[in-house]
Amino acid sequence: MRPMPSQHDGLKDFVLDRLVDLRGVTARAMFGGYGLSCDGTFFGIVHKGRLYFKTNDETRTTYVRSGMKPFRPNAKQTLKSFYEVPTDVLEDAEQLGQWAAGAVQSS
């Protein structure tokens, strides 16, 4: 019997569907969620119902201005190079694709 898909699986599938134009995007289980890669470049994380993209000094300010926080897999660890993607961006396939491409370039 196959396990029921989790909330993480649903978000992962949703994100992969939204990023269909960004060729070579894959997801694999990691961090208790999924890591997203594009042609072998790790650029995103799906964890506990949230999507995080890799940032750099230039792109990070856009996330911070949107009120987004860095990826925090547990109380003792924060990955300040990955920030949560705002809901309005997640819901707009074109904008999500642009942010994802920026995350790939940040990696």
PDB file of N, CA and C in Angstrom:
ATOM      1  N   MET A   1       0.837  -1.170   0.000  1.00  0.00           N
ATOM      2  CA  MET A   1       0.000   0.000   0.000  1.00  0.00           C
ATOM      3  C   MET A   1       0.891   1.245   0.000  1.00  0.00           C
ATOM      4  N   ARG A   2       0.542   2.192  -0.823  1.00  0.00           N
ATOM      5  CA  ARG A   2       1.308   3.421  -0.949  1.00  0.00           C
ATOM      6  C   ARG A   2       0.866   4.433   0.101  1.00  0.00           C
ATOM      7  N   PRO A   3       1.805   5.172   0.738  1.00  0.00           N
ATOM      8  CA  PRO A   3       1.399   6.150   1.742  1.00  0.00           C
ATOM      9  C   PRO A   3       0.622   7.304   1.116  1.00  0.00           C
ATOM     10  N   MET A   4      -0.241   7.895   1.915  1.00  0.00           N
ATOM     11  CA  MET A   4      -1.011   9.053   1.463  1.00  0.00           C
ATOM     12  C   MET A   4      -0.067  10.238   1.262  1.00  0.00           C
ATOM     13  N   PRO A   5      -0.295  11.040   0.211  1.00  0.00           N
ATOM     14  CA  PRO A   5       0.549  12.210   0.027  1.00  0.00           C
ATOM     15  C   PRO A   5       0.341  13.196   1.164  1.00  0.00           C
ATOM     16  N   SER A   6       1.418  13.851   1.557  1.00  0.00           N
ATOM     17  CA  SER A   6       1.334  14.831   2.635  1.00  0.00           C
ATOM     18  C   SER A   6       1.084  16.216   2.056  1.00  0.00           C
ATOM     19  N   GLN A   7       0.893  17.174   2.941  1.00  0.00           N
ATOM     20  CA  GLN A   7       0.752  18.572   2.540  1.00  0.00           C
ATOM     21  C   GLN A   7       1.997  19.011   1.767  1.00  0.00           C
ATOM     22  N   HIS A   8       3.161  18.502   2.187  1.00  0.00           N
ATOM     23  CA  HIS A   8       4.422  18.846   1.512  1.00  0.00           C
ATOM     24  C   HIS A   8       4.396  18.354   0.072  1.00  0.00           C
ATOM     25  N   ASP A   9       3.857  17.141  -0.142  1.00  0.00           N
ATOM     26  CA  ASP A   9       3.774  16.585  -1.487  1.00  0.00           C
ATOM     27  C   ASP A   9       2.893  17.469  -2.362  1.00  0.00           C
ATOM     28  N   GLY A  10       1.785  17.937  -1.818  1.00  0.00           N
ATOM     29  CA  GLY A  10       0.871  18.794  -2.572  1.00  0.00           C
ATOM     30  C   GLY A  10       1.535  20.091  -2.982  1.00  0.00           C
ATOM     31  N   LEU A  11       2.234  20.731  -2.076  1.00  0.00           N
ATOM     32  CA  LEU A  11       2.932  21.975  -2.404  1.00  0.00           C
ATOM     33  C   LEU A  11       4.059  21.707  -3.390  1.00  0.00           C
ATOM     34  N   LYS A  12       4.793  20.634  -3.177  1.00  0.00           N
ATOM     35  CA  LYS A  12       5.877  20.279  -4.106  1.00  0.00           C
ATOM     36  C   LYS A  12       5.319  20.106  -5.510  1.00  0.00           C
ATOM     37  N   ASP A  13       4.240  19.351  -5.645  1.00  0.00           N
ATOM     38  CA  ASP A  13       3.630  19.121  -6.954  1.00  0.00           C
ATOM     39  C   ASP A  13       3.122  20.425  -7.557  1.00  0.00           C
ATOM     40  N   PHE A  14       2.516  21.270  -6.745  1.00  0.00           N
ATOM     41  CA  PHE A  14       2.015  22.569  -7.204  1.00  0.00           C
ATOM     42  C   PHE A  14       3.164  23.418  -7.743  1.00  0.00           C
ATOM     43  N   VAL A  15       4.262  23.478  -6.989  1.00  0.00           N
ATOM     44  CA  VAL A  15       5.423  24.278  -7.399  1.00  0.00           C
ATOM     45  C   VAL A  15       6.034  23.714  -8.683  1.00  0.00           C
ATOM     46  N   LEU A  16       6.189  22.410  -8.760  1.00  0.00           N
ATOM     47  CA  LEU A  16       6.739  21.800  -9.979  1.00  0.00           C
ATOM     48  C   LEU A  16       5.854  22.098 -11.188  1.00  0.00           C
ATOM     49  N   ASP A  17       4.541  22.059 -11.013  1.00  0.00           N
ATOM     50  CA  ASP A  17       3.623  22.398 -12.102  1.00  0.00           C
ATOM     51  C   ASP A  17       3.792  23.853 -12.518  1.00  0.00           C
ATOM     52  N   ARG A  18       3.939  24.735 -11.543  1.00  0.00           N
ATOM     53  CA  ARG A  18       4.102  26.167 -11.824  1.00  0.00           C
ATOM     54  C   ARG A  18       5.429  26.477 -12.513  1.00  0.00           C
ATOM     55  N   LEU A  19       6.434  25.662 -12.264  1.00  0.00           N
ATOM     56  CA  LEU A  19       7.769  25.915 -12.811  1.00  0.00           C
ATOM     57  C   LEU A  19       8.064  25.073 -14.054  1.00  0.00           C
ATOM     58  N   VAL A  20       7.019  24.617 -14.723  1.00  0.00           N
ATOM     59  CA  VAL A  20       7.198  23.745 -15.890  1.00  0.00           C
ATOM     60  C   VAL A  20       8.031  24.424 -16.980  1.00  0.00           C
ATOM     61  N   ASP A  21       7.960  25.740 -17.109  1.00  0.00           N
ATOM     62  CA  ASP A  21       8.736  26.447 -18.137  1.00  0.00           C
ATOM     63  C   ASP A  21      10.215  26.568 -17.786  1.00  0.00           C
ATOM     64  N   LEU A  22      10.557  26.359 -16.535  1.00  0.00           N
ATOM     65  CA  LEU A  22      11.959  26.383 -16.105  1.00  0.00           C
ATOM     66  C   LEU A  22      12.476  24.955 -16.262  1.00  0.00           C
ATOM     67  N   ARG A  23      13.048  24.671 -17.376  1.00  0.00           N
ATOM     68  CA  ARG A  23      13.441  23.310 -17.750  1.00  0.00           C
ATOM     69  C   ARG A  23      14.458  22.712 -16.770  1.00  0.00           C
ATOM     70  N   GLY A  24      14.296  21.410 -16.517  1.00  0.00           N
ATOM     71  CA  GLY A  24      15.266  20.697 -15.696  1.00  0.00           C
ATOM     72  C   GLY A  24      15.021  20.782 -14.197  1.00  0.00           C
ATOM     73  N   VAL A  25      13.839  21.261 -13.772  1.00  0.00           N
ATOM     74  CA  VAL A  25      13.540  21.372 -12.339  1.00  0.00           C
ATOM     75  C   VAL A  25      13.114  20.005 -11.794  1.00  0.00           C
ATOM     76  N   THR A  26      13.742  19.608 -10.696  1.00  0.00           N
ATOM     77  CA  THR A  26      13.415  18.352 -10.034  1.00  0.00           C
ATOM     78  C   THR A  26      13.305  18.594  -8.536  1.00  0.00           C
ATOM     79  N   ALA A  27      12.681  17.646  -7.851  1.00  0.00           N
ATOM     80  CA  ALA A  27      12.553  17.713  -6.392  1.00  0.00           C
ATOM     81  C   ALA A  27      12.988  16.381  -5.810  1.00  0.00           C
ATOM     82  N   ARG A  28      13.695  16.444  -4.682  1.00  0.00           N
ATOM     83  CA  ARG A  28      14.042  15.204  -3.983  1.00  0.00           C
ATOM     84  C   ARG A  28      13.876  15.428  -2.490  1.00  0.00           C
ATOM     85  N   ALA A  29      13.541  14.357  -1.790  1.00  0.00           N
ATOM     86  CA  ALA A  29      13.292  14.443  -0.358  1.00  0.00           C
ATOM     87  C   ALA A  29      14.560  14.866   0.382  1.00  0.00           C
ATOM     88  N   MET A  30      14.424  15.867   1.250  1.00  0.00           N
ATOM     89  CA  MET A  30      15.509  16.323   2.128  1.00  0.00           C
ATOM     90  C   MET A  30      14.945  17.301   3.151  1.00  0.00           C
ATOM     91  N   PHE A  31      15.633  17.462   4.268  1.00  0.00           N
ATOM     92  CA  PHE A  31      15.241  18.396   5.331  1.00  0.00           C
ATOM     93  C   PHE A  31      13.846  18.114   5.885  1.00  0.00           C
ATOM     94  N   GLY A  32      13.326  16.924   5.718  1.00  0.00           N
ATOM     95  CA  GLY A  32      11.953  16.643   6.129  1.00  0.00           C
ATOM     96  C   GLY A  32      10.953  17.237   5.157  1.00  0.00           C
ATOM     97  N   GLY A  33      11.430  17.684   4.013  1.00  0.00           N
ATOM     98  CA  GLY A  33      10.600  18.248   2.947  1.00  0.00           C
ATOM     99  C   GLY A  33      11.218  17.855   1.623  1.00  0.00           C
ATOM    100  N   TYR A  34      11.397  18.841   0.732  1.00  0.00           N
ATOM    101  CA  TYR A  34      11.983  18.585  -0.579  1.00  0.00           C
ATOM    102  C   TYR A  34      12.971  19.683  -0.949  1.00  0.00           C
ATOM    103  N   GLY A  35      14.041  19.288  -1.600  1.00  0.00           N
ATOM    104  CA  GLY A  35      14.980  20.231  -2.184  1.00  0.00           C
ATOM    105  C   GLY A  35      14.685  20.347  -3.669  1.00  0.00           C
ATOM    106  N   LEU A  36      14.702  21.575  -4.189  1.00  0.00           N
ATOM    107  CA  LEU A  36      14.456  21.815  -5.602  1.00  0.00           C
ATOM    108  C   LEU A  36      15.773  22.124  -6.299  1.00  0.00           C
ATOM    109  N   SER A  37      15.962  21.511  -7.449  1.00  0.00           N
ATOM    110  CA  SER A  37      17.167  21.746  -8.246  1.00  0.00           C
ATOM    111  C   SER A  37      16.770  22.020  -9.682  1.00  0.00           C
ATOM    112  N   CYS A  38      17.619  22.749 -10.379  1.00  0.00           N
ATOM    113  CA  CYS A  38      17.440  23.015 -11.804  1.00  0.00           C
ATOM    114  C   CYS A  38      18.747  22.639 -12.483  1.00  0.00           C
ATOM    115  N   ASP A  39      18.701  21.590 -13.276  1.00  0.00           N
ATOM    116  CA  ASP A  39      19.908  21.083 -13.945  1.00  0.00           C
ATOM    117  C   ASP A  39      21.061  20.906 -12.961  1.00  0.00           C
ATOM    118  N   GLY A  40      20.742  20.365 -11.793  1.00  0.00           N
ATOM    119  CA  GLY A  40      21.755  20.072 -10.790  1.00  0.00           C
ATOM    120  C   GLY A  40      22.083  21.210  -9.842  1.00  0.00           C
ATOM    121  N   THR A  41      21.508  22.398 -10.054  1.00  0.00           N
ATOM    122  CA  THR A  41      21.755  23.548  -9.176  1.00  0.00           C
ATOM    123  C   THR A  41      20.651  23.619  -8.124  1.00  0.00           C
ATOM    124  N   PHE A  42      21.023  23.456  -6.858  1.00  0.00           N
ATOM    125  CA  PHE A  42      20.075  23.490  -5.740  1.00  0.00           C
ATOM    126  C   PHE A  42      19.641  24.933  -5.510  1.00  0.00           C
ATOM    127  N   PHE A  43      18.312  25.194  -5.610  1.00  0.00           N
ATOM    128  CA  PHE A  43      17.842  26.575  -5.500  1.00  0.00           C
ATOM    129  C   PHE A  43      16.625  26.771  -4.606  1.00  0.00           C
ATOM    130  N   GLY A  44      15.980  25.706  -4.152  1.00  0.00           N
ATOM    131  CA  GLY A  44      14.763  25.895  -3.371  1.00  0.00           C
ATOM    132  C   GLY A  44      14.490  24.763  -2.404  1.00  0.00           C
ATOM    133  N   ILE A  45      13.627  25.072  -1.436  1.00  0.00           N
ATOM    134  CA  ILE A  45      13.246  24.107  -0.406  1.00  0.00           C
ATOM    135  C   ILE A  45      11.734  24.205  -0.194  1.00  0.00           C
ATOM    136  N   VAL A  46      11.073  23.060  -0.168  1.00  0.00           N
ATOM    137  CA  VAL A  46       9.677  22.976   0.253  1.00  0.00           C
ATOM    138  C   VAL A  46       9.707  22.298   1.614  1.00  0.00           C
ATOM    139  N   HIS A  47       9.215  23.011   2.631  1.00  0.00           N
ATOM    140  CA  HIS A  47       9.299  22.497   4.001  1.00  0.00           C
ATOM    141  C   HIS A  47       8.107  22.991   4.810  1.00  0.00           C
ATOM    142  N   LYS A  48       7.382  22.061   5.404  1.00  0.00           N
ATOM    143  CA  LYS A  48       6.240  22.375   6.268  1.00  0.00           C
ATOM    144  C   LYS A  48       5.265  23.345   5.615  1.00  0.00           C
ATOM    145  N   GLY A  49       4.923  23.061   4.355  1.00  0.00           N
ATOM    146  CA  GLY A  49       3.916  23.856   3.668  1.00  0.00           C
ATOM    147  C   GLY A  49       4.380  25.217   3.197  1.00  0.00           C
ATOM    148  N   ARG A  50       5.689  25.430   3.156  1.00  0.00           N
ATOM    149  CA  ARG A  50       6.231  26.716   2.717  1.00  0.00           C
ATOM    150  C   ARG A  50       7.306  26.478   1.663  1.00  0.00           C
ATOM    151  N   LEU A  51       7.478  27.474   0.791  1.00  0.00           N
ATOM    152  CA  LEU A  51       8.487  27.419  -0.257  1.00  0.00           C
ATOM    153  C   LEU A  51       9.558  28.458   0.035  1.00  0.00           C
ATOM    154  N   TYR A  52      10.811  28.053  -0.056  1.00  0.00           N
ATOM    155  CA  TYR A  52      11.952  28.941   0.167  1.00  0.00           C
ATOM    156  C   TYR A  52      12.853  28.904  -1.058  1.00  0.00           C
ATOM    157  N   PHE A  53      13.368  30.066  -1.453  1.00  0.00           N
ATOM    158  CA  PHE A  53      14.311  30.149  -2.563  1.00  0.00           C
ATOM    159  C   PHE A  53      15.652  30.662  -2.073  1.00  0.00           C
ATOM    160  N   LYS A  54      16.697  30.248  -2.764  1.00  0.00           N
ATOM    161  CA  LYS A  54      18.066  30.708  -2.499  1.00  0.00           C
ATOM    162  C   LYS A  54      18.148  32.191  -2.845  1.00  0.00           C
ATOM    163  N   THR A  55      18.832  32.936  -2.011  1.00  0.00           N
ATOM    164  CA  THR A  55      19.004  34.373  -2.236  1.00  0.00           C
ATOM    165  C   THR A  55      20.483  34.722  -2.223  1.00  0.00           C
ATOM    166  N   ASN A  56      20.768  35.936  -2.665  1.00  0.00           N
ATOM    167  CA  ASN A  56      22.104  36.502  -2.520  1.00  0.00           C
ATOM    168  C   ASN A  56      21.926  37.925  -1.991  1.00  0.00           C
ATOM    169  N   ASP A  57      23.006  38.671  -1.877  1.00  0.00           N
ATOM    170  CA  ASP A  57      22.914  40.020  -1.311  1.00  0.00           C
ATOM    171  C   ASP A  57      21.954  40.917  -2.094  1.00  0.00           C
ATOM    172  N   GLU A  58      21.873  40.732  -3.406  1.00  0.00           N
ATOM    173  CA  GLU A  58      20.974  41.551  -4.230  1.00  0.00           C
ATOM    174  C   GLU A  58      19.519  41.137  -4.092  1.00  0.00           C
ATOM    175  N   THR A  59      19.240  39.841  -4.209  1.00  0.00           N
ATOM    176  CA  THR A  59      17.848  39.382  -4.222  1.00  0.00           C
ATOM    177  C   THR A  59      17.219  39.318  -2.833  1.00  0.00           C
ATOM    178  N   ARG A  60      18.023  39.150  -1.803  1.00  0.00           N
ATOM    179  CA  ARG A  60      17.506  38.996  -0.443  1.00  0.00           C
ATOM    180  C   ARG A  60      16.653  40.194  -0.008  1.00  0.00           C
ATOM    181  N   THR A  61      17.040  41.396  -0.425  1.00  0.00           N
ATOM    182  CA  THR A  61      16.302  42.588   0.004  1.00  0.00           C
ATOM    183  C   THR A  61      14.843  42.550  -0.452  1.00  0.00           C
ATOM    184  N   THR A  62      14.570  41.969  -1.620  1.00  0.00           N
ATOM    185  CA  THR A  62      13.192  41.855  -2.106  1.00  0.00           C
ATOM    186  C   THR A  62      12.364  40.984  -1.172  1.00  0.00           C
ATOM    187  N   TYR A  63      12.938  39.903  -0.702  1.00  0.00           N
ATOM    188  CA  TYR A  63      12.243  39.006   0.230  1.00  0.00           C
ATOM    189  C   TYR A  63      12.013  39.708   1.573  1.00  0.00           C
ATOM    190  N   VAL A  64      13.043  40.369   2.067  1.00  0.00           N
ATOM    191  CA  VAL A  64      12.944  41.048   3.365  1.00  0.00           C
ATOM    192  C   VAL A  64      11.898  42.161   3.295  1.00  0.00           C
ATOM    193  N   ARG A  65      11.904  42.938   2.203  1.00  0.00           N
ATOM    194  CA  ARG A  65      10.913  44.006   2.040  1.00  0.00           C
ATOM    195  C   ARG A  65       9.492  43.450   1.981  1.00  0.00           C
ATOM    196  N   SER A  66       9.358  42.216   1.531  1.00  0.00           N
ATOM    197  CA  SER A  66       8.041  41.564   1.478  1.00  0.00           C
ATOM    198  C   SER A  66       7.656  40.945   2.819  1.00  0.00           C
ATOM    199  N   GLY A  67       8.517  41.103   3.831  1.00  0.00           N
ATOM    200  CA  GLY A  67       8.233  40.587   5.165  1.00  0.00           C
ATOM    201  C   GLY A  67       8.550  39.109   5.335  1.00  0.00           C
ATOM    202  N   MET A  68       9.311  38.541   4.412  1.00  0.00           N
ATOM    203  CA  MET A  68       9.621  37.121   4.465  1.00  0.00           C
ATOM    204  C   MET A  68      10.806  36.840   5.390  1.00  0.00           C
ATOM    205  N   LYS A  69      10.818  35.648   5.921  1.00  0.00           N
ATOM    206  CA  LYS A  69      11.838  35.221   6.884  1.00  0.00           C
ATOM    207  C   LYS A  69      12.723  34.143   6.269  1.00  0.00           C
ATOM    208  N   PRO A  70      13.929  33.968   6.832  1.00  0.00           N
ATOM    209  CA  PRO A  70      14.819  32.910   6.336  1.00  0.00           C
ATOM    210  C   PRO A  70      14.317  31.523   6.744  1.00  0.00           C
ATOM    211  N   PHE A  71      14.825  30.520   6.041  1.00  0.00           N
ATOM    212  CA  PHE A  71      14.478  29.127   6.313  1.00  0.00           C
ATOM    213  C   PHE A  71      15.027  28.731   7.672  1.00  0.00           C
ATOM    214  N   ARG A  72      14.147  28.189   8.501  1.00  0.00           N
ATOM    215  CA  ARG A  72      14.512  27.775   9.845  1.00  0.00           C
ATOM    216  C   ARG A  72      13.980  26.367  10.083  1.00  0.00           C
ATOM    217  N   PRO A  73      14.792  25.352   9.735  1.00  0.00           N
ATOM    218  CA  PRO A  73      14.301  23.983   9.848  1.00  0.00           C
ATOM    219  C   PRO A  73      14.055  23.535  11.286  1.00  0.00           C
ATOM    220  N   ASN A  74      14.723  24.189  12.242  1.00  0.00           N
ATOM    221  CA  ASN A  74      14.501  23.874  13.654  1.00  0.00           C
ATOM    222  C   ASN A  74      14.916  25.099  14.485  1.00  0.00           C
ATOM    223  N   ALA A  75      14.667  25.037  15.771  1.00  0.00           N
ATOM    224  CA  ALA A  75      14.916  26.184  16.648  1.00  0.00           C
ATOM    225  C   ALA A  75      16.388  26.570  16.736  1.00  0.00           C
ATOM    226  N   LYS A  76      17.284  25.647  16.439  1.00  0.00           N
ATOM    227  CA  LYS A  76      18.713  25.909  16.583  1.00  0.00           C
ATOM    228  C   LYS A  76      19.409  26.265  15.270  1.00  0.00           C
ATOM    229  N   GLN A  77      18.686  26.205  14.157  1.00  0.00           N
ATOM    230  CA  GLN A  77      19.331  26.390  12.863  1.00  0.00           C
ATOM    231  C   GLN A  77      18.527  27.341  11.984  1.00  0.00           C
ATOM    232  N   THR A  78      19.206  28.290  11.376  1.00  0.00           N
ATOM    233  CA  THR A  78      18.600  29.202  10.414  1.00  0.00           C
ATOM    234  C   THR A  78      19.528  29.289   9.206  1.00  0.00           C
ATOM    235  N   LEU A  79      18.978  29.075   8.022  1.00  0.00           N
ATOM    236  CA  LEU A  79      19.747  29.210   6.779  1.00  0.00           C
ATOM    237  C   LEU A  79      19.393  30.556   6.158  1.00  0.00           C
ATOM    238  N   LYS A  80      20.226  31.557   6.386  1.00  0.00           N
ATOM    239  CA  LYS A  80      19.923  32.911   5.944  1.00  0.00           C
ATOM    240  C   LYS A  80      20.092  33.130   4.448  1.00  0.00           C
ATOM    241  N   SER A  81      20.532  32.106   3.727  1.00  0.00           N
ATOM    242  CA  SER A  81      20.627  32.239   2.273  1.00  0.00           C
ATOM    243  C   SER A  81      19.341  31.782   1.579  1.00  0.00           C
ATOM    244  N   PHE A  82      18.405  31.185   2.336  1.00  0.00           N
ATOM    245  CA  PHE A  82      17.119  30.765   1.791  1.00  0.00           C
ATOM    246  C   PHE A  82      16.001  31.524   2.490  1.00  0.00           C
ATOM    247  N   TYR A  83      15.139  32.179   1.704  1.00  0.00           N
ATOM    248  CA  TYR A  83      14.030  32.946   2.249  1.00  0.00           C
ATOM    249  C   TYR A  83      12.704  32.451   1.702  1.00  0.00           C
ATOM    250  N   GLU A  84      11.662  32.589   2.519  1.00  0.00           N
ATOM    251  CA  GLU A  84      10.330  32.153   2.108  1.00  0.00           C
ATOM    252  C   GLU A  84       9.829  32.999   0.940  1.00  0.00           C
ATOM    253  N   VAL A  85       9.156  32.345   0.006  1.00  0.00           N
ATOM    254  CA  VAL A  85       8.561  33.012  -1.146  1.00  0.00           C
ATOM    255  C   VAL A  85       7.182  33.537  -0.725  1.00  0.00           C
ATOM    256  N   PRO A  86       6.890  34.819  -0.992  1.00  0.00           N
ATOM    257  CA  PRO A  86       5.575  35.365  -0.625  1.00  0.00           C
ATOM    258  C   PRO A  86       4.434  34.632  -1.324  1.00  0.00           C
ATOM    259  N   THR A  87       3.295  34.551  -0.669  1.00  0.00           N
ATOM    260  CA  THR A  87       2.129  33.846  -1.196  1.00  0.00           C
ATOM    261  C   THR A  87       1.684  34.410  -2.539  1.00  0.00           C
ATOM    262  N   ASP A  88       1.691  35.743  -2.688  1.00  0.00           N
ATOM    263  CA  ASP A  88       1.244  36.325  -3.953  1.00  0.00           C
ATOM    264  C   ASP A  88       2.156  35.923  -5.114  1.00  0.00           C
ATOM    265  N   VAL A  89       3.446  35.732  -4.844  1.00  0.00           N
ATOM    266  CA  VAL A  89       4.380  35.268  -5.873  1.00  0.00           C
ATOM    267  C   VAL A  89       4.114  33.796  -6.173  1.00  0.00           C
ATOM    268  N   LEU A  90       3.884  33.010  -5.140  1.00  0.00           N
ATOM    269  CA  LEU A  90       3.606  31.586  -5.301  1.00  0.00           C
ATOM    270  C   LEU A  90       2.368  31.361  -6.165  1.00  0.00           C
ATOM    271  N   GLU A  91       1.391  32.232  -6.046  1.00  0.00           N
ATOM    272  CA  GLU A  91       0.131  32.083  -6.771  1.00  0.00           C
ATOM    273  C   GLU A  91       0.197  32.598  -8.206  1.00  0.00           C
ATOM    274  N   ASP A  92       1.243  33.324  -8.568  1.00  0.00           N
ATOM    275  CA  ASP A  92       1.396  33.886  -9.917  1.00  0.00           C
ATOM    276  C   ASP A  92       2.500  33.117 -10.641  1.00  0.00           C
ATOM    277  N   ALA A  93       2.114  32.229 -11.558  1.00  0.00           N
ATOM    278  CA  ALA A  93       3.078  31.332 -12.212  1.00  0.00           C
ATOM    279  C   ALA A  93       4.212  32.095 -12.901  1.00  0.00           C
ATOM    280  N   GLU A  94       3.894  33.191 -13.572  1.00  0.00           N
ATOM    281  CA  GLU A  94       4.931  33.949 -14.280  1.00  0.00           C
ATOM    282  C   GLU A  94       5.930  34.562 -13.300  1.00  0.00           C
ATOM    283  N   GLN A  95       5.410  35.178 -12.261  1.00  0.00           N
ATOM    284  CA  GLN A  95       6.278  35.786 -11.257  1.00  0.00           C
ATOM    285  C   GLN A  95       7.088  34.721 -10.509  1.00  0.00           C
ATOM    286  N   LEU A  96       6.459  33.594 -10.206  1.00  0.00           N
ATOM    287  CA  LEU A  96       7.170  32.510  -9.526  1.00  0.00           C
ATOM    288  C   LEU A  96       8.327  32.020 -10.392  1.00  0.00           C
ATOM    289  N   GLY A  97       8.106  31.899 -11.679  1.00  0.00           N
ATOM    290  CA  GLY A  97       9.151  31.493 -12.592  1.00  0.00           C
ATOM    291  C   GLY A  97      10.318  32.474 -12.596  1.00  0.00           C
ATOM    292  N   GLN A  98      10.018  33.760 -12.542  1.00  0.00           N
ATOM    293  CA  GLN A  98      11.061  34.779 -12.500  1.00  0.00           C
ATOM    294  C   GLN A  98      11.851  34.703 -11.204  1.00  0.00           C
ATOM    295  N   TRP A  99      11.172  34.528 -10.089  1.00  0.00           N
ATOM    296  CA  TRP A  99      11.849  34.427  -8.800  1.00  0.00           C
ATOM    297  C   TRP A  99      12.686  33.159  -8.749  1.00  0.00           C
ATOM    298  N   ALA A 100      12.164  32.067  -9.307  1.00  0.00           N
ATOM    299  CA  ALA A 100      12.913  30.808  -9.324  1.00  0.00           C
ATOM    300  C   ALA A 100      14.170  30.954 -10.179  1.00  0.00           C
ATOM    301  N   ALA A 101      14.056  31.599 -11.330  1.00  0.00           N
ATOM    302  CA  ALA A 101      15.233  31.812 -12.179  1.00  0.00           C
ATOM    303  C   ALA A 101      16.271  32.644 -11.438  1.00  0.00           C
ATOM    304  N   GLY A 102      15.825  33.651 -10.686  1.00  0.00           N
ATOM    305  CA  GLY A 102      16.741  34.446  -9.873  1.00  0.00           C
ATOM    306  C   GLY A 102      17.411  33.611  -8.792  1.00  0.00           C
ATOM    307  N   ALA A 103      16.659  32.674  -8.221  1.00  0.00           N
ATOM    308  CA  ALA A 103      17.218  31.795  -7.187  1.00  0.00           C
ATOM    309  C   ALA A 103      18.268  30.860  -7.781  1.00  0.00           C
ATOM    310  N   VAL A 104      18.005  30.366  -8.987  1.00  0.00           N
ATOM    311  CA  VAL A 104      18.988  29.505  -9.659  1.00  0.00           C
ATOM    312  C   VAL A 104      20.274  30.294  -9.909  1.00  0.00           C
ATOM    313  N   GLN A 105      20.135  31.531 -10.355  1.00  0.00           N
ATOM    314  CA  GLN A 105      21.311  32.369 -10.617  1.00  0.00           C
ATOM    315  C   GLN A 105      22.046  32.729  -9.326  1.00  0.00           C
ATOM    316  N   SER A 106      21.332  32.766  -8.202  1.00  0.00           N
ATOM    317  CA  SER A 106      21.944  33.080  -6.900  1.00  0.00           C
ATOM    318  C   SER A 106      22.767  31.931  -6.360  1.00  0.00           C
ATOM    319  N   SER A 107      22.535  30.746  -6.900  1.00  0.00           N
ATOM    320  CA  SER A 107      23.200  29.540  -6.377  1.00  0.00           C
ATOM    321  C   SER A 107      24.592  29.376  -6.912  1.00  0.00           C
TER     322      SER A 107
END
